[in-house]
């Protein structure tokens, strides 16, 4: 897939940051590469989300790269560590089936399926002890 220069820069920034980043954090990180306006970042993010390369973490108003290519047909589950800001992405077909059944039972047509779970990751939990 062909990406614009700005999409490539934004995707690369998120990939190397490896943490959720807001649009303004992305803009600050890429000013040296020629991005000057929030609209440049938002346009790039919109295209990256549309293609499934990036996800928006609603509760954080931040963005991360997709860890599972082609997860658009399943349910993306994000586990967000409250201590270290780590984000793990999981795709679970069982949950997808359950959500399909739930929607069907209520005659609801869902268009986007994401679940966010906040808590403490294994590394942070082990560091406590």
N, C-alpha and C. Protein backbone atom coordinates (compact mmCIF):
# COMPACT_ATOMS: atom_id res chain seq x y z
N UNK A 1 0.84 -1.17 0.00
CA UNK A 1 0.00 0.00 0.00
C UNK A 1 0.89 1.24 0.00
N UNK A 2 0.50 2.20 -0.80
CA UNK A 2 1.25 3.45 -0.88
C UNK A 2 0.75 4.42 0.18
N UNK A 3 1.69 4.96 0.93
CA UNK A 3 1.37 5.96 1.94
C UNK A 3 1.97 7.29 1.53
N UNK A 4 1.27 8.36 1.90
CA UNK A 4 1.82 9.70 1.66
C UNK A 4 3.03 9.90 2.58
N UNK A 5 3.78 10.94 2.30
CA UNK A 5 4.95 11.25 3.13
C UNK A 5 4.53 11.45 4.59
N UNK A 6 3.46 12.21 4.83
CA UNK A 6 3.02 12.48 6.19
C UNK A 6 2.52 11.21 6.89
N UNK A 7 1.81 10.37 6.15
CA UNK A 7 1.36 9.09 6.72
C UNK A 7 2.56 8.24 7.12
N UNK A 8 3.58 8.20 6.27
CA UNK A 8 4.79 7.43 6.57
C UNK A 8 5.49 7.98 7.81
N UNK A 9 5.57 9.30 7.92
CA UNK A 9 6.21 9.92 9.09
C UNK A 9 5.43 9.62 10.36
N UNK A 10 4.12 9.78 10.32
CA UNK A 10 3.28 9.55 11.50
C UNK A 10 3.34 8.08 11.91
N UNK A 11 3.22 7.19 10.95
CA UNK A 11 3.28 5.75 11.25
C UNK A 11 4.65 5.40 11.85
N UNK A 12 5.71 5.90 11.26
CA UNK A 12 7.06 5.64 11.77
C UNK A 12 7.25 6.16 13.19
N UNK A 13 6.72 7.34 13.46
CA UNK A 13 6.80 7.92 14.80
C UNK A 13 6.10 7.01 15.81
N UNK A 14 4.87 6.59 15.49
CA UNK A 14 4.12 5.72 16.41
C UNK A 14 4.81 4.38 16.59
N UNK A 15 5.36 3.85 15.52
CA UNK A 15 6.04 2.55 15.57
C UNK A 15 7.26 2.62 16.49
N UNK A 16 8.04 3.68 16.39
CA UNK A 16 9.25 3.78 17.21
C UNK A 16 8.96 4.22 18.64
N UNK A 17 7.88 5.00 18.82
CA UNK A 17 7.51 5.43 20.16
C UNK A 17 7.03 4.25 20.97
N UNK A 18 6.28 3.36 20.32
CA UNK A 18 5.79 2.13 20.95
C UNK A 18 4.94 2.39 22.19
N UNK A 19 4.38 3.56 22.28
CA UNK A 19 3.46 3.94 23.36
C UNK A 19 2.34 4.75 22.72
N UNK A 20 1.19 4.82 23.34
CA UNK A 20 0.14 5.69 22.80
C UNK A 20 0.62 7.14 22.75
N UNK A 21 0.30 7.82 21.67
CA UNK A 21 0.71 9.22 21.52
C UNK A 21 -0.47 10.04 21.03
N UNK A 22 -0.62 11.22 21.58
CA UNK A 22 -1.67 12.13 21.12
C UNK A 22 -1.23 12.76 19.80
N UNK A 23 -2.17 13.35 19.11
CA UNK A 23 -1.84 14.02 17.84
C UNK A 23 -0.82 15.13 18.07
N UNK A 24 -0.94 15.83 19.19
CA UNK A 24 0.01 16.92 19.45
C UNK A 24 1.39 16.40 19.84
N UNK A 25 1.46 15.25 20.49
CA UNK A 25 2.76 14.63 20.76
C UNK A 25 3.42 14.20 19.44
N UNK A 26 2.60 13.69 18.54
CA UNK A 26 3.11 13.30 17.22
C UNK A 26 3.62 14.54 16.48
N UNK A 27 2.82 15.60 16.50
CA UNK A 27 3.23 16.84 15.84
C UNK A 27 4.54 17.37 16.42
N UNK A 28 4.65 17.41 17.74
CA UNK A 28 5.89 17.87 18.38
C UNK A 28 7.07 17.01 17.98
N UNK A 29 6.87 15.71 17.89
CA UNK A 29 7.95 14.80 17.53
C UNK A 29 8.37 14.88 16.07
N UNK A 30 7.49 15.42 15.23
CA UNK A 30 7.78 15.44 13.79
C UNK A 30 7.99 16.84 13.22
N UNK A 31 8.04 17.84 14.07
CA UNK A 31 8.26 19.21 13.58
C UNK A 31 9.55 19.32 12.79
N UNK A 32 10.58 18.63 13.25
CA UNK A 32 11.86 18.65 12.55
C UNK A 32 11.81 18.00 11.18
N UNK A 33 10.76 17.20 10.93
CA UNK A 33 10.59 16.55 9.63
C UNK A 33 9.66 17.32 8.71
N UNK A 34 9.25 18.50 9.15
CA UNK A 34 8.45 19.35 8.27
C UNK A 34 6.97 19.43 8.59
N UNK A 35 6.49 18.66 9.54
CA UNK A 35 5.08 18.78 9.92
C UNK A 35 4.93 19.99 10.82
N UNK A 36 4.04 20.89 10.44
CA UNK A 36 3.91 22.15 11.16
C UNK A 36 2.51 22.37 11.73
N UNK A 37 1.50 21.71 11.18
CA UNK A 37 0.12 21.99 11.57
C UNK A 37 -0.58 20.72 12.05
N UNK A 38 -1.42 20.87 13.06
CA UNK A 38 -2.17 19.70 13.56
C UNK A 38 -2.96 19.01 12.44
N UNK A 39 -3.48 19.80 11.51
CA UNK A 39 -4.29 19.22 10.43
C UNK A 39 -3.50 18.21 9.61
N UNK A 40 -2.20 18.42 9.45
CA UNK A 40 -1.36 17.47 8.72
C UNK A 40 -1.34 16.13 9.44
N UNK A 41 -1.23 16.17 10.76
CA UNK A 41 -1.20 14.95 11.55
C UNK A 41 -2.56 14.27 11.53
N UNK A 42 -3.62 15.04 11.73
CA UNK A 42 -4.97 14.47 11.76
C UNK A 42 -5.34 13.82 10.42
N UNK A 43 -4.97 14.44 9.30
CA UNK A 43 -5.23 13.84 7.99
C UNK A 43 -4.50 12.51 7.85
N UNK A 44 -3.22 12.50 8.24
CA UNK A 44 -2.43 11.27 8.15
C UNK A 44 -3.03 10.19 9.06
N UNK A 45 -3.39 10.56 10.28
CA UNK A 45 -3.99 9.60 11.21
C UNK A 45 -5.30 9.04 10.66
N UNK A 46 -6.10 9.90 10.08
CA UNK A 46 -7.38 9.46 9.52
C UNK A 46 -7.18 8.39 8.46
N UNK A 47 -6.23 8.60 7.57
CA UNK A 47 -5.94 7.61 6.52
C UNK A 47 -5.37 6.32 7.12
N UNK A 48 -4.48 6.46 8.10
CA UNK A 48 -3.88 5.28 8.73
C UNK A 48 -4.93 4.47 9.49
N UNK A 49 -5.88 5.14 10.12
CA UNK A 49 -6.97 4.44 10.81
C UNK A 49 -7.86 3.75 9.78
N UNK A 50 -8.17 4.44 8.70
CA UNK A 50 -9.01 3.90 7.64
C UNK A 50 -8.43 2.61 7.07
N UNK A 51 -7.11 2.54 6.94
CA UNK A 51 -6.47 1.35 6.38
C UNK A 51 -6.18 0.29 7.44
N UNK A 52 -6.43 0.59 8.71
CA UNK A 52 -6.21 -0.38 9.77
C UNK A 52 -4.79 -0.42 10.30
N UNK A 53 -3.95 0.50 9.87
CA UNK A 53 -2.56 0.51 10.31
C UNK A 53 -2.41 1.10 11.71
N UNK A 54 -3.36 1.95 12.11
CA UNK A 54 -3.31 2.65 13.39
C UNK A 54 -4.68 2.55 14.05
N UNK A 55 -4.68 2.49 15.37
CA UNK A 55 -5.92 2.51 16.15
C UNK A 55 -5.93 3.73 17.05
N UNK A 56 -7.14 4.23 17.30
CA UNK A 56 -7.30 5.32 18.27
C UNK A 56 -7.76 4.71 19.58
N UNK A 57 -7.02 4.98 20.63
CA UNK A 57 -7.41 4.56 21.98
C UNK A 57 -8.29 5.67 22.53
N UNK A 58 -9.58 5.41 22.55
CA UNK A 58 -10.56 6.44 22.90
C UNK A 58 -10.32 7.03 24.28
N UNK A 59 -10.12 6.17 25.27
CA UNK A 59 -10.01 6.65 26.65
C UNK A 59 -8.79 7.53 26.88
N UNK A 60 -7.77 7.38 26.04
CA UNK A 60 -6.55 8.18 26.16
C UNK A 60 -6.48 9.31 25.14
N UNK A 61 -7.40 9.31 24.19
CA UNK A 61 -7.34 10.23 23.07
C UNK A 61 -5.94 10.18 22.44
N UNK A 62 -5.49 8.96 22.19
CA UNK A 62 -4.14 8.73 21.69
C UNK A 62 -4.19 7.63 20.62
N UNK A 63 -3.07 7.45 19.94
CA UNK A 63 -3.00 6.54 18.80
C UNK A 63 -1.85 5.56 18.97
N UNK A 64 -2.05 4.34 18.45
CA UNK A 64 -1.02 3.29 18.46
C UNK A 64 -1.06 2.57 17.11
N UNK A 65 0.06 1.96 16.76
CA UNK A 65 0.08 1.15 15.55
C UNK A 65 -0.63 -0.17 15.82
N UNK A 66 -1.21 -0.73 14.78
CA UNK A 66 -1.89 -2.01 14.87
C UNK A 66 -0.84 -3.12 15.02
N UNK A 67 -1.07 -3.98 15.98
CA UNK A 67 -0.15 -5.10 16.19
C UNK A 67 -0.60 -6.36 15.46
N UNK A 68 -1.82 -6.34 14.94
CA UNK A 68 -2.40 -7.51 14.25
C UNK A 68 -2.93 -7.06 12.89
N UNK A 69 -2.17 -7.32 11.87
CA UNK A 69 -2.59 -6.89 10.53
C UNK A 69 -3.88 -7.61 10.15
N UNK A 70 -4.80 -6.85 9.64
CA UNK A 70 -6.07 -7.43 9.23
C UNK A 70 -7.05 -7.64 10.36
N UNK A 71 -6.86 -6.95 11.47
CA UNK A 71 -7.75 -7.15 12.62
C UNK A 71 -9.08 -6.44 12.46
N UNK A 72 -9.27 -5.71 11.36
CA UNK A 72 -10.49 -4.95 11.16
C UNK A 72 -11.75 -5.79 11.18
N UNK A 73 -11.66 -7.06 10.84
CA UNK A 73 -12.85 -7.90 10.82
C UNK A 73 -13.12 -8.54 12.19
N UNK A 74 -12.20 -8.43 13.10
CA UNK A 74 -12.36 -8.99 14.43
C UNK A 74 -12.58 -7.88 15.45
N UNK A 75 -12.45 -8.22 16.71
CA UNK A 75 -12.56 -7.25 17.79
C UNK A 75 -11.16 -6.97 18.31
N UNK A 76 -10.78 -5.71 18.30
CA UNK A 76 -9.49 -5.33 18.88
C UNK A 76 -9.71 -5.07 20.36
N UNK A 77 -8.93 -5.74 21.18
CA UNK A 77 -9.00 -5.56 22.63
C UNK A 77 -7.68 -4.96 23.07
N UNK A 78 -7.75 -3.81 23.72
CA UNK A 78 -6.55 -3.12 24.17
C UNK A 78 -6.47 -3.20 25.69
N UNK A 79 -5.35 -3.71 26.18
CA UNK A 79 -5.09 -3.75 27.61
C UNK A 79 -4.09 -2.64 27.91
N UNK A 80 -4.53 -1.67 28.71
CA UNK A 80 -3.76 -0.45 28.95
C UNK A 80 -3.23 -0.47 30.38
N UNK A 81 -1.90 -0.48 30.54
CA UNK A 81 -1.31 -0.46 31.87
C UNK A 81 -1.36 0.97 32.42
N UNK A 82 -1.90 1.09 33.61
CA UNK A 82 -2.04 2.40 34.26
C UNK A 82 -0.72 2.92 34.81
N UNK A 83 0.27 2.06 34.90
CA UNK A 83 1.56 2.48 35.48
C UNK A 83 2.61 2.84 34.43
N UNK A 84 2.81 1.93 33.47
CA UNK A 84 3.90 2.16 32.50
C UNK A 84 3.40 2.60 31.13
N UNK A 85 2.10 2.73 30.97
CA UNK A 85 1.48 3.15 29.71
C UNK A 85 1.63 2.14 28.58
N UNK A 86 2.01 0.90 28.91
CA UNK A 86 2.10 -0.14 27.89
C UNK A 86 0.70 -0.43 27.35
N UNK A 87 0.63 -0.71 26.06
CA UNK A 87 -0.63 -1.09 25.43
C UNK A 87 -0.42 -2.42 24.73
N UNK A 88 -1.21 -3.40 25.11
CA UNK A 88 -1.19 -4.70 24.43
C UNK A 88 -2.46 -4.81 23.62
N UNK A 89 -2.33 -5.27 22.39
CA UNK A 89 -3.49 -5.48 21.53
C UNK A 89 -3.71 -6.97 21.35
N UNK A 90 -4.94 -7.40 21.54
CA UNK A 90 -5.31 -8.80 21.40
C UNK A 90 -6.50 -8.87 20.46
N UNK A 91 -6.53 -9.88 19.62
CA UNK A 91 -7.69 -10.14 18.77
C UNK A 91 -8.24 -11.50 19.19
N UNK A 92 -9.54 -11.54 19.47
CA UNK A 92 -10.17 -12.77 19.98
C UNK A 92 -11.43 -13.06 19.18
N UNK A 93 -11.41 -14.15 18.42
CA UNK A 93 -12.56 -14.49 17.59
C UNK A 93 -13.76 -14.92 18.43
N UNK A 94 -13.52 -15.49 19.61
CA UNK A 94 -14.63 -15.87 20.49
C UNK A 94 -15.42 -14.66 20.95
N UNK A 95 -14.71 -13.61 21.32
CA UNK A 95 -15.39 -12.38 21.74
C UNK A 95 -16.10 -11.76 20.54
N UNK A 96 -15.49 -11.85 19.37
CA UNK A 96 -16.13 -11.32 18.17
C UNK A 96 -17.47 -12.02 17.93
N UNK A 97 -17.48 -13.33 18.07
CA UNK A 97 -18.72 -14.10 17.89
C UNK A 97 -19.77 -13.71 18.93
N UNK A 98 -19.32 -13.53 20.17
CA UNK A 98 -20.25 -13.13 21.24
C UNK A 98 -20.85 -11.76 20.95
N UNK A 99 -20.02 -10.83 20.49
CA UNK A 99 -20.53 -9.50 20.18
C UNK A 99 -21.46 -9.53 18.97
N UNK A 100 -21.15 -10.36 17.99
CA UNK A 100 -22.06 -10.52 16.84
C UNK A 100 -23.42 -11.01 17.31
N UNK A 101 -23.42 -12.00 18.20
CA UNK A 101 -24.69 -12.55 18.72
C UNK A 101 -25.44 -11.50 19.53
N UNK A 102 -24.72 -10.74 20.35
CA UNK A 102 -25.34 -9.69 21.15
C UNK A 102 -26.01 -8.65 20.26
N UNK A 103 -25.29 -8.20 19.24
CA UNK A 103 -25.84 -7.21 18.31
C UNK A 103 -27.06 -7.78 17.58
N UNK A 104 -26.94 -9.02 17.11
CA UNK A 104 -28.06 -9.64 16.38
C UNK A 104 -29.30 -9.75 17.27
N UNK A 105 -29.10 -10.10 18.54
CA UNK A 105 -30.24 -10.26 19.44
C UNK A 105 -30.95 -8.94 19.70
N UNK A 106 -30.27 -7.85 19.47
CA UNK A 106 -30.87 -6.51 19.67
C UNK A 106 -31.11 -5.79 18.35
N UNK A 107 -30.98 -6.54 17.25
CA UNK A 107 -31.16 -5.99 15.91
C UNK A 107 -30.35 -4.71 15.72
N UNK A 108 -29.10 -4.79 16.16
CA UNK A 108 -28.18 -3.66 16.08
C UNK A 108 -27.07 -4.01 15.11
N UNK A 109 -26.70 -3.06 14.29
CA UNK A 109 -25.62 -3.28 13.33
C UNK A 109 -24.41 -2.46 13.77
N UNK A 110 -23.45 -3.13 14.39
CA UNK A 110 -22.24 -2.46 14.85
C UNK A 110 -21.27 -2.22 13.71
N UNK A 111 -20.58 -1.10 13.75
CA UNK A 111 -19.63 -0.79 12.67
C UNK A 111 -18.18 -0.80 13.14
N UNK A 112 -17.96 -0.65 14.43
CA UNK A 112 -16.59 -0.64 14.94
C UNK A 112 -16.59 -1.38 16.26
N UNK A 113 -15.62 -2.28 16.43
CA UNK A 113 -15.60 -3.12 17.63
C UNK A 113 -14.23 -3.05 18.29
N UNK A 114 -14.18 -2.28 19.36
CA UNK A 114 -12.96 -2.15 20.15
C UNK A 114 -13.33 -2.21 21.62
N UNK A 115 -12.48 -2.85 22.39
CA UNK A 115 -12.66 -2.93 23.83
C UNK A 115 -11.38 -2.42 24.48
N UNK A 116 -11.52 -1.58 25.48
CA UNK A 116 -10.36 -1.07 26.23
C UNK A 116 -10.47 -1.54 27.68
N UNK A 117 -9.40 -2.14 28.15
CA UNK A 117 -9.35 -2.62 29.53
C UNK A 117 -8.15 -1.97 30.21
N UNK A 118 -8.39 -1.29 31.31
CA UNK A 118 -7.28 -0.68 32.04
C UNK A 118 -6.94 -1.53 33.26
N UNK A 119 -5.69 -1.52 33.64
CA UNK A 119 -5.22 -2.30 34.78
C UNK A 119 -3.71 -2.22 34.89
N UNK A 120 -3.13 -3.28 35.41
CA UNK A 120 -1.68 -3.34 35.64
C UNK A 120 -1.11 -4.52 34.85
N UNK A 121 -0.07 -4.26 34.07
CA UNK A 121 0.56 -5.31 33.26
C UNK A 121 1.39 -6.24 34.15
N UNK A 122 1.78 -7.36 33.59
CA UNK A 122 2.58 -8.35 34.30
C UNK A 122 3.89 -7.76 34.82
N UNK A 123 4.59 -7.01 33.97
CA UNK A 123 5.88 -6.43 34.38
C UNK A 123 5.74 -5.51 35.58
N UNK A 124 4.74 -4.65 35.56
CA UNK A 124 4.54 -3.73 36.68
C UNK A 124 4.08 -4.47 37.94
N UNK A 125 3.24 -5.49 37.75
CA UNK A 125 2.78 -6.29 38.89
C UNK A 125 3.94 -7.04 39.54
N UNK A 126 4.83 -7.60 38.70
CA UNK A 126 5.99 -8.31 39.24
C UNK A 126 6.97 -7.37 39.91
N UNK A 127 7.09 -6.14 39.43
CA UNK A 127 8.00 -5.16 40.01
C UNK A 127 7.54 -4.75 41.41
N UNK A 128 6.27 -4.92 41.70
CA UNK A 128 5.72 -4.60 43.03
C UNK A 128 6.25 -5.55 44.10
N UNK A 129 6.47 -6.77 43.70
CA UNK A 129 6.82 -7.81 44.70
C UNK A 129 8.29 -7.97 44.87
